[in-house]
Protein backbone atom coordinates (compact mmCIF):
# COMPACT_ATOMS: atom_id res chain seq x y z
CA MET A 1 106.76 148.49 115.94
CA GLY A 2 104.52 150.77 117.93
CA GLY A 3 103.19 153.07 115.23
CA GLU A 4 104.17 151.22 112.09
CA ARG A 5 101.59 149.79 109.76
CA LEU A 6 100.98 146.06 110.14
CA HIS A 7 101.68 143.69 107.30
CA PRO A 8 99.99 140.57 108.71
CA LYS A 9 101.31 137.89 106.34
CA ARG A 10 104.92 139.07 106.50
CA THR A 11 104.79 139.63 110.26
CA ILE A 12 103.08 136.36 111.10
CA LYS A 13 105.47 134.22 109.00
CA ALA A 14 108.68 135.81 110.31
CA ASP A 15 107.46 136.15 113.87
CA SER A 16 105.97 132.67 114.10
CA THR A 17 109.30 131.15 113.02
CA PHE A 18 111.13 133.19 115.67
CA ILE A 19 108.54 132.46 118.36
CA THR A 20 108.77 128.73 117.62
CA LYS A 21 112.57 128.93 117.96
CA MET A 22 112.24 130.68 121.31
CA PHE A 23 109.77 128.11 122.66
CA GLN A 24 112.13 125.33 121.61
CA LYS A 25 115.00 127.08 123.38
CA ARG A 26 112.77 127.47 126.45
CA HIS A 27 112.09 123.74 126.39
CA VAL A 28 115.81 122.93 126.46
CA LEU A 29 116.41 125.52 129.19
CA THR A 30 113.70 124.14 131.46
CA HIS A 31 114.79 120.52 131.12
CA THR A 32 118.55 120.23 130.76
CA GLU A 33 120.04 123.53 129.52
CA ILE A 34 122.14 121.37 127.19
CA VAL A 35 121.54 121.20 123.42
CA ASP A 36 120.55 117.69 122.38
CA GLN A 37 120.19 116.07 118.98
CA LYS A 38 116.40 116.46 119.04
CA TYR A 39 116.78 120.25 119.36
CA LEU A 40 119.30 120.37 116.52
CA ASP A 41 117.10 118.20 114.30
CA ARG A 42 114.04 120.36 114.92
CA ARG A 43 115.77 123.73 114.62
CA GLY A 44 118.59 123.14 112.24
CA ASP A 45 120.24 125.68 114.52
CA THR A 46 123.86 126.47 113.73
CA GLU A 47 124.26 128.81 116.70
CA PHE A 48 124.75 125.89 119.10
CA ARG A 49 126.51 122.53 118.97
CA LEU A 50 125.47 119.20 120.45
CA GLY A 51 126.20 119.18 124.18
CA GLN A 52 126.62 122.94 124.43
CA ARG A 53 124.75 124.92 127.07
CA ILE A 54 121.97 126.90 125.43
CA ALA A 55 121.63 130.62 126.00
CA VAL A 56 118.96 133.23 125.43
CA HIS A 57 120.15 136.76 124.84
CA THR A 58 118.41 139.87 126.13
CA SER A 59 117.85 141.02 122.56
CA GLU A 60 116.01 137.75 121.82
CA ILE A 61 113.75 138.22 124.81
CA LYS A 62 112.89 141.76 123.72
CA ARG A 63 112.26 140.59 120.15
CA PHE A 64 110.12 137.70 121.44
CA VAL A 65 107.93 140.04 123.49
CA GLU A 66 107.50 142.42 120.55
CA ALA A 67 106.74 139.54 118.17
CA VAL A 68 104.05 138.13 120.46
CA LYS A 69 102.53 141.59 120.88
CA ALA A 70 102.54 142.14 117.09
CA MET A 71 100.89 138.77 116.49
CA ALA A 72 98.25 139.56 119.12
CA ARG A 73 97.52 142.92 117.45
CA THR A 74 97.31 141.28 114.03
CA PHE A 75 95.03 138.56 115.38
CA SER A 76 92.82 141.14 117.07
CA ILE A 77 92.52 143.24 113.90
CA THR A 78 91.87 140.20 111.72
CA TRP A 79 89.36 138.76 114.19
CA SER A 80 87.43 142.01 114.49
CA THR A 81 87.17 142.43 110.72
CA HIS A 82 85.67 138.95 110.28
CA PHE A 83 83.33 138.75 113.25
CA LYS A 84 80.82 141.15 114.69
CA PRO A 85 81.09 141.57 118.49
CA GLU A 86 77.71 139.89 119.02
CA GLU A 87 78.91 136.80 117.10
CA VAL A 88 81.94 136.45 119.37
CA THR A 89 79.97 136.52 122.62
CA GLN A 90 77.37 133.95 121.56
């Protein structure tokens, strides 16, 4: 991702879906660590079953960090093309 050209719409859609999934996993991890019906209803996740302990893989963490960084870069580029620096500070 470092030097590749950004494709904001493709990146934002795919990354936002993944980021949302990771935040929902984080929610389960911080409260019970056990998949509940609410999680399954929201995610439609087939990786886990009701009552199963949720897990986050190292590869997901790395992808999450890269996705957040890519979205931040895209936001920064988009923001700077629409607003002049003096408009932002006012």
